[in-house]
Amino acid sequence: MMNILKVVFKEFFGMFIDDGALALLALLLIAAVGVLVKFANVDALLGAALLFVGCLMVLAESVARAARKKFQRK
């Protein structure tokens, strides 16, 4: 029964989010920048820049991970 639930959960999750690590890192980045802007008195413009650079880094890591997986299959 647990195996069936795991498969159903993975399939359901996979319909909306193809790369779980990308989604998790994006959420963590948004939370971290939000905390910095709200509680550490970081300027909103600096927070936006951090968010932009962080998104680029997260996307670059995701592309690199996907490329490694693709080349390891061959």
Protein backbone atom coordinates (compact mmCIF):
# COMPACT_ATOMS: atom_id res chain seq x y z
CA MET A 1 0.00 0.00 0.00
CA MET A 2 2.83 2.44 0.86
CA ASN A 3 4.55 1.74 -2.48
CA ILE A 4 1.36 2.61 -4.34
CA LEU A 5 1.04 5.87 -2.38
CA LYS A 6 4.67 6.76 -3.14
CA VAL A 7 4.17 6.16 -6.85
CA VAL A 8 0.93 8.17 -6.90
CA PHE A 9 2.59 11.05 -5.01
CA LYS A 10 5.61 11.09 -7.34
CA GLU A 11 3.41 11.05 -10.44
CA PHE A 12 1.16 13.79 -9.08
CA PHE A 13 4.17 15.90 -8.06
CA GLY A 14 5.80 15.27 -11.45
CA MET A 15 2.76 16.67 -13.29
CA PHE A 16 3.38 20.10 -11.81
CA ILE A 17 7.07 20.15 -10.95
CA ASP A 18 9.53 18.35 -13.19
CA ASP A 19 12.65 19.30 -11.24
CA GLY A 20 12.09 19.15 -7.49
CA ALA A 21 15.55 20.49 -6.65
CA LEU A 22 14.96 23.55 -8.82
CA ALA A 23 11.64 24.25 -7.12
CA LEU A 24 13.10 23.76 -3.64
CA LEU A 25 16.10 26.01 -4.30
CA ALA A 26 13.85 28.71 -5.77
CA LEU A 27 11.59 28.64 -2.70
CA LEU A 28 14.58 28.76 -0.36
CA LEU A 29 16.05 31.69 -2.30
CA ILE A 30 12.79 33.63 -2.15
CA ALA A 31 12.45 32.95 1.58
CA ALA A 32 16.05 33.97 2.30
CA VAL A 33 15.81 37.23 0.34
CA GLY A 34 12.44 37.97 1.94
CA VAL A 35 13.89 37.51 5.42
CA LEU A 36 16.87 39.72 4.55
CA VAL A 37 14.69 42.52 3.23
CA LYS A 38 12.16 42.31 6.06
CA PHE A 39 14.34 41.73 9.11
CA ALA A 40 17.95 42.62 8.20
CA ASN A 41 17.09 46.03 6.77
CA VAL A 42 18.47 45.18 3.35
CA ASP A 43 17.37 47.72 0.73
CA ALA A 44 14.60 46.47 -1.58
CA LEU A 45 16.69 47.20 -4.68
CA LEU A 46 19.57 45.15 -3.29
CA GLY A 47 17.09 42.40 -2.42
CA ALA A 48 15.83 42.41 -6.01
CA ALA A 49 19.41 42.19 -7.30
CA LEU A 50 20.12 39.28 -4.94
CA LEU A 51 16.97 37.55 -6.10
CA PHE A 52 17.92 38.04 -9.76
CA VAL A 53 21.49 36.79 -9.33
CA GLY A 54 20.30 33.93 -7.14
CA CYS A 55 17.76 32.85 -9.76
CA LEU A 56 20.47 32.86 -12.43
CA MET A 57 22.67 30.71 -10.21
CA VAL A 58 19.86 28.27 -9.42
CA LEU A 59 18.97 27.95 -13.11
CA ALA A 60 22.62 27.48 -14.09
CA GLU A 61 22.98 24.72 -11.50
CA SER A 62 19.83 23.04 -12.77
CA VAL A 63 21.02 23.15 -16.39
CA ALA A 64 24.42 21.77 -15.39
CA ARG A 65 22.78 18.94 -13.43
CA ALA A 66 20.53 18.08 -16.37
CA ALA A 67 23.49 18.10 -18.76
CA ARG A 68 25.46 15.78 -16.47
CA LYS A 69 22.53 13.35 -16.36
CA LYS A 70 22.15 13.46 -20.14
CA PHE A 71 25.82 12.79 -20.83
CA GLN A 72 26.04 10.03 -18.22
CA ARG A 73 23.26 8.12 -20.01
CA LYS A 74 25.21 7.93 -23.27
